[in-house]
Amino acid sequence: MYRHGSPVGLLDIIAHYPAPNVAFIGLLAVRESLHGIGLGRALYDRAEHLIRTDLRATTVRIAVIETNPACGFWRRMGFRTTGEVKRYEGRAVTSHAILMEKPLASASE
């Protein structure tokens, strides 16, 4: 996403993962100085449209680290927890990712 010619945000989509009818959002990031003005929502809305119309996915999934304040953002976008939690163990940190998903209406609805 660009604003006044400068990059301000990005959203990464993994198509058909983990199933043919699912799109997985790997990352959504907005420049920190621009948080709170609707860019994240605008970026997600564009991505959801593409996921529905071009990828023809019926579900979109994300994994959010449980301590990430963005969990509230995703809930506002209509995502709900699936009950699945993935544990990640690194050298210096152990974290838990909460899986969330949102069913999508088909492009023709």
C-alpha atoms as a PDB file:
ATOM      1  CA  MET A   1       0.000   0.000   0.000  1.00  0.00           C
ATOM      2  CA  TYR A   2       1.270   3.437  -0.924  1.00  0.00           C
ATOM      3  CA  ARG A   3       0.324   6.836   0.429  1.00  0.00           C
ATOM      4  CA  HIS A   4       1.565   9.979  -1.318  1.00  0.00           C
ATOM      5  CA  GLY A   5       3.989   7.798  -3.308  1.00  0.00           C
ATOM      6  CA  SER A   6       5.614   6.165  -0.274  1.00  0.00           C
ATOM      7  CA  PRO A   7       5.118   2.581   0.918  1.00  0.00           C
ATOM      8  CA  VAL A   8       3.123   2.543   4.169  1.00  0.00           C
ATOM      9  CA  GLY A   9       1.783  -0.995   4.478  1.00  0.00           C
ATOM     10  CA  LEU A  10       1.768  -4.519   3.150  1.00  0.00           C
ATOM     11  CA  LEU A  11      -0.312  -7.651   3.359  1.00  0.00           C
ATOM     12  CA  ASP A  12       0.949 -11.122   2.427  1.00  0.00           C
ATOM     13  CA  ILE A  13      -1.530 -13.758   1.224  1.00  0.00           C
ATOM     14  CA  ILE A  14      -0.739 -17.452   0.880  1.00  0.00           C
ATOM     15  CA  ALA A  15      -3.262 -18.809  -1.621  1.00  0.00           C
ATOM     16  CA  HIS A  16      -4.913 -22.196  -1.190  1.00  0.00           C
ATOM     17  CA  TYR A  17      -3.283 -22.893   2.182  1.00  0.00           C
ATOM     18  CA  PRO A  18      -3.823 -25.030   4.173  1.00  0.00           C
ATOM     19  CA  ALA A  19      -6.625 -26.233   1.850  1.00  0.00           C
ATOM     20  CA  PRO A  20      -7.785 -25.362  -1.685  1.00  0.00           C
ATOM     21  CA  ASN A  21     -10.667 -23.150  -0.486  1.00  0.00           C
ATOM     22  CA  VAL A  22      -8.611 -21.265   2.133  1.00  0.00           C
ATOM     23  CA  ALA A  23      -6.371 -18.200   1.922  1.00  0.00           C
ATOM     24  CA  PHE A  24      -3.905 -17.579   4.747  1.00  0.00           C
ATOM     25  CA  ILE A  25      -2.771 -14.084   5.689  1.00  0.00           C
ATOM     26  CA  GLY A  26       0.881 -14.394   6.614  1.00  0.00           C
ATOM     27  CA  LEU A  27       1.487 -10.755   7.508  1.00  0.00           C
ATOM     28  CA  LEU A  28      -0.244  -7.399   7.680  1.00  0.00           C
ATOM     29  CA  ALA A  29       1.934  -4.425   8.570  1.00  0.00           C
ATOM     30  CA  VAL A  30       1.276  -0.679   8.563  1.00  0.00           C
ATOM     31  CA  ARG A  31       3.878   1.984   9.297  1.00  0.00           C
ATOM     32  CA  GLU A  32       3.640   2.583  13.043  1.00  0.00           C
ATOM     33  CA  SER A  33       3.341   6.356  12.727  1.00  0.00           C
ATOM     34  CA  LEU A  34       0.150   5.809  10.690  1.00  0.00           C
ATOM     35  CA  HIS A  35      -1.648   3.414  13.041  1.00  0.00           C
ATOM     36  CA  GLY A  36      -5.227   4.291  13.925  1.00  0.00           C
ATOM     37  CA  ILE A  37      -6.270   6.096  10.740  1.00  0.00           C
ATOM     38  CA  GLY A  38      -7.888   3.154   8.941  1.00  0.00           C
ATOM     39  CA  LEU A  39      -5.060   1.989   6.684  1.00  0.00           C
ATOM     40  CA  GLY A  40      -5.020  -1.533   8.152  1.00  0.00           C
ATOM     41  CA  ARG A  41      -8.756  -1.891   7.591  1.00  0.00           C
ATOM     42  CA  ALA A  42      -8.454  -0.529   4.037  1.00  0.00           C
ATOM     43  CA  LEU A  43      -5.613  -2.916   3.260  1.00  0.00           C
ATOM     44  CA  TYR A  44      -7.519  -5.876   4.699  1.00  0.00           C
ATOM     45  CA  ASP A  45     -10.735  -4.924   2.836  1.00  0.00           C
ATOM     46  CA  ARG A  46      -8.839  -4.880  -0.486  1.00  0.00           C
ATOM     47  CA  ALA A  47      -7.231  -8.223   0.308  1.00  0.00           C
ATOM     48  CA  GLU A  48     -10.544  -9.816   1.292  1.00  0.00           C
ATOM     49  CA  HIS A  49     -12.075  -8.700  -1.999  1.00  0.00           C
ATOM     50  CA  LEU A  50      -9.168 -10.255  -3.918  1.00  0.00           C
ATOM     51  CA  ILE A  51      -9.389 -13.453  -1.844  1.00  0.00           C
ATOM     52  CA  ARG A  52     -13.113 -13.783  -2.610  1.00  0.00           C
ATOM     53  CA  THR A  53     -13.091 -12.797  -6.268  1.00  0.00           C
ATOM     54  CA  ASP A  54      -9.710 -13.854  -7.659  1.00  0.00           C
ATOM     55  CA  LEU A  55      -8.755 -16.760  -5.392  1.00  0.00           C
ATOM     56  CA  ARG A  56     -12.375 -17.841  -4.861  1.00  0.00           C
ATOM     57  CA  ALA A  57     -11.589 -18.853  -1.299  1.00  0.00           C
ATOM     58  CA  THR A  58     -14.455 -19.402   1.123  1.00  0.00           C
ATOM     59  CA  THR A  59     -12.363 -18.987   4.277  1.00  0.00           C
ATOM     60  CA  VAL A  60      -9.487 -16.750   5.300  1.00  0.00           C
ATOM     61  CA  ARG A  61      -7.178 -17.750   8.172  1.00  0.00           C
ATOM     62  CA  ILE A  62      -4.517 -16.034  10.235  1.00  0.00           C
ATOM     63  CA  ALA A  63      -2.250 -16.924  13.135  1.00  0.00           C
ATOM     64  CA  VAL A  64      -1.682 -14.202  15.729  1.00  0.00           C
ATOM     65  CA  ILE A  65       0.777 -14.383  18.623  1.00  0.00           C
ATOM     66  CA  GLU A  66      -1.383 -14.477  21.743  1.00  0.00           C
ATOM     67  CA  THR A  67       0.216 -11.362  23.263  1.00  0.00           C
ATOM     68  CA  ASN A  68      -0.141  -9.286  20.082  1.00  0.00           C
ATOM     69  CA  PRO A  69      -2.525  -6.345  20.562  1.00  0.00           C
ATOM     70  CA  ALA A  70      -3.604  -6.857  16.926  1.00  0.00           C
ATOM     71  CA  CYS A  71      -5.904  -9.689  18.088  1.00  0.00           C
ATOM     72  CA  GLY A  72      -8.542  -6.992  18.676  1.00  0.00           C
ATOM     73  CA  PHE A  73      -8.109  -5.663  15.138  1.00  0.00           C
ATOM     74  CA  TRP A  74      -8.703  -9.112  13.680  1.00  0.00           C
ATOM     75  CA  ARG A  75     -11.805  -9.615  15.820  1.00  0.00           C
ATOM     76  CA  ARG A  76     -13.162  -6.308  14.512  1.00  0.00           C
ATOM     77  CA  MET A  77     -12.533  -7.575  10.969  1.00  0.00           C
ATOM     78  CA  GLY A  78     -14.819 -10.533  11.746  1.00  0.00           C
ATOM     79  CA  PHE A  79     -12.279 -13.224  12.625  1.00  0.00           C
ATOM     80  CA  ARG A  80     -12.995 -15.736  15.382  1.00  0.00           C
ATOM     81  CA  THR A  81     -10.644 -18.116  17.152  1.00  0.00           C
ATOM     82  CA  THR A  82     -10.708 -21.727  15.985  1.00  0.00           C
ATOM     83  CA  GLY A  83      -9.521 -23.198  19.274  1.00  0.00           C
ATOM     84  CA  GLU A  84      -6.218 -24.204  17.687  1.00  0.00           C
ATOM     85  CA  VAL A  85      -3.023 -22.896  19.268  1.00  0.00           C
ATOM     86  CA  LYS A  86       0.409 -23.488  17.724  1.00  0.00           C
ATOM     87  CA  ARG A  87       3.479 -23.444  19.945  1.00  0.00           C
ATOM     88  CA  TYR A  88       6.734 -22.002  18.608  1.00  0.00           C
ATOM     89  CA  GLU A  89       9.996 -22.610  20.397  1.00  0.00           C
ATOM     90  CA  GLY A  90      12.964 -20.538  19.334  1.00  0.00           C
ATOM     91  CA  ARG A  91      16.366 -20.136  20.919  1.00  0.00           C
ATOM     92  CA  ALA A  92      15.392 -17.159  23.023  1.00  0.00           C
ATOM     93  CA  VAL A  93      11.606 -17.206  23.051  1.00  0.00           C
ATOM     94  CA  THR A  94       8.637 -19.516  23.227  1.00  0.00           C
ATOM     95  CA  SER A  95       5.342 -18.184  21.939  1.00  0.00           C
ATOM     96  CA  HIS A  96       1.864 -19.370  21.112  1.00  0.00           C
ATOM     97  CA  ALA A  97       0.000 -18.436  17.948  1.00  0.00           C
ATOM     98  CA  ILE A  98      -3.774 -18.385  18.094  1.00  0.00           C
ATOM     99  CA  LEU A  99      -5.411 -19.489  14.852  1.00  0.00           C
ATOM    100  CA  MET A 100      -8.342 -17.374  13.725  1.00  0.00           C
ATOM    101  CA  GLU A 101     -10.564 -17.614  10.675  1.00  0.00           C
ATOM    102  CA  LYS A 102     -13.365 -15.859   8.892  1.00  0.00           C
ATOM    103  CA  PRO A 103     -15.876 -17.453   6.525  1.00  0.00           C
ATOM    104  CA  LEU A 104     -16.416 -15.459   3.340  1.00  0.00           C
ATOM    105  CA  ALA A 105     -19.501 -15.051   1.219  1.00  0.00           C
ATOM    106  CA  SER A 106     -18.922 -16.087  -2.373  1.00  0.00           C
ATOM    107  CA  ALA A 107     -18.220 -13.366  -4.922  1.00  0.00           C
ATOM    108  CA  SER A 108     -21.708 -13.862  -6.393  1.00  0.00           C
ATOM    109  CA  GLU A 109     -23.522 -13.293  -3.062  1.00  0.00           C
END
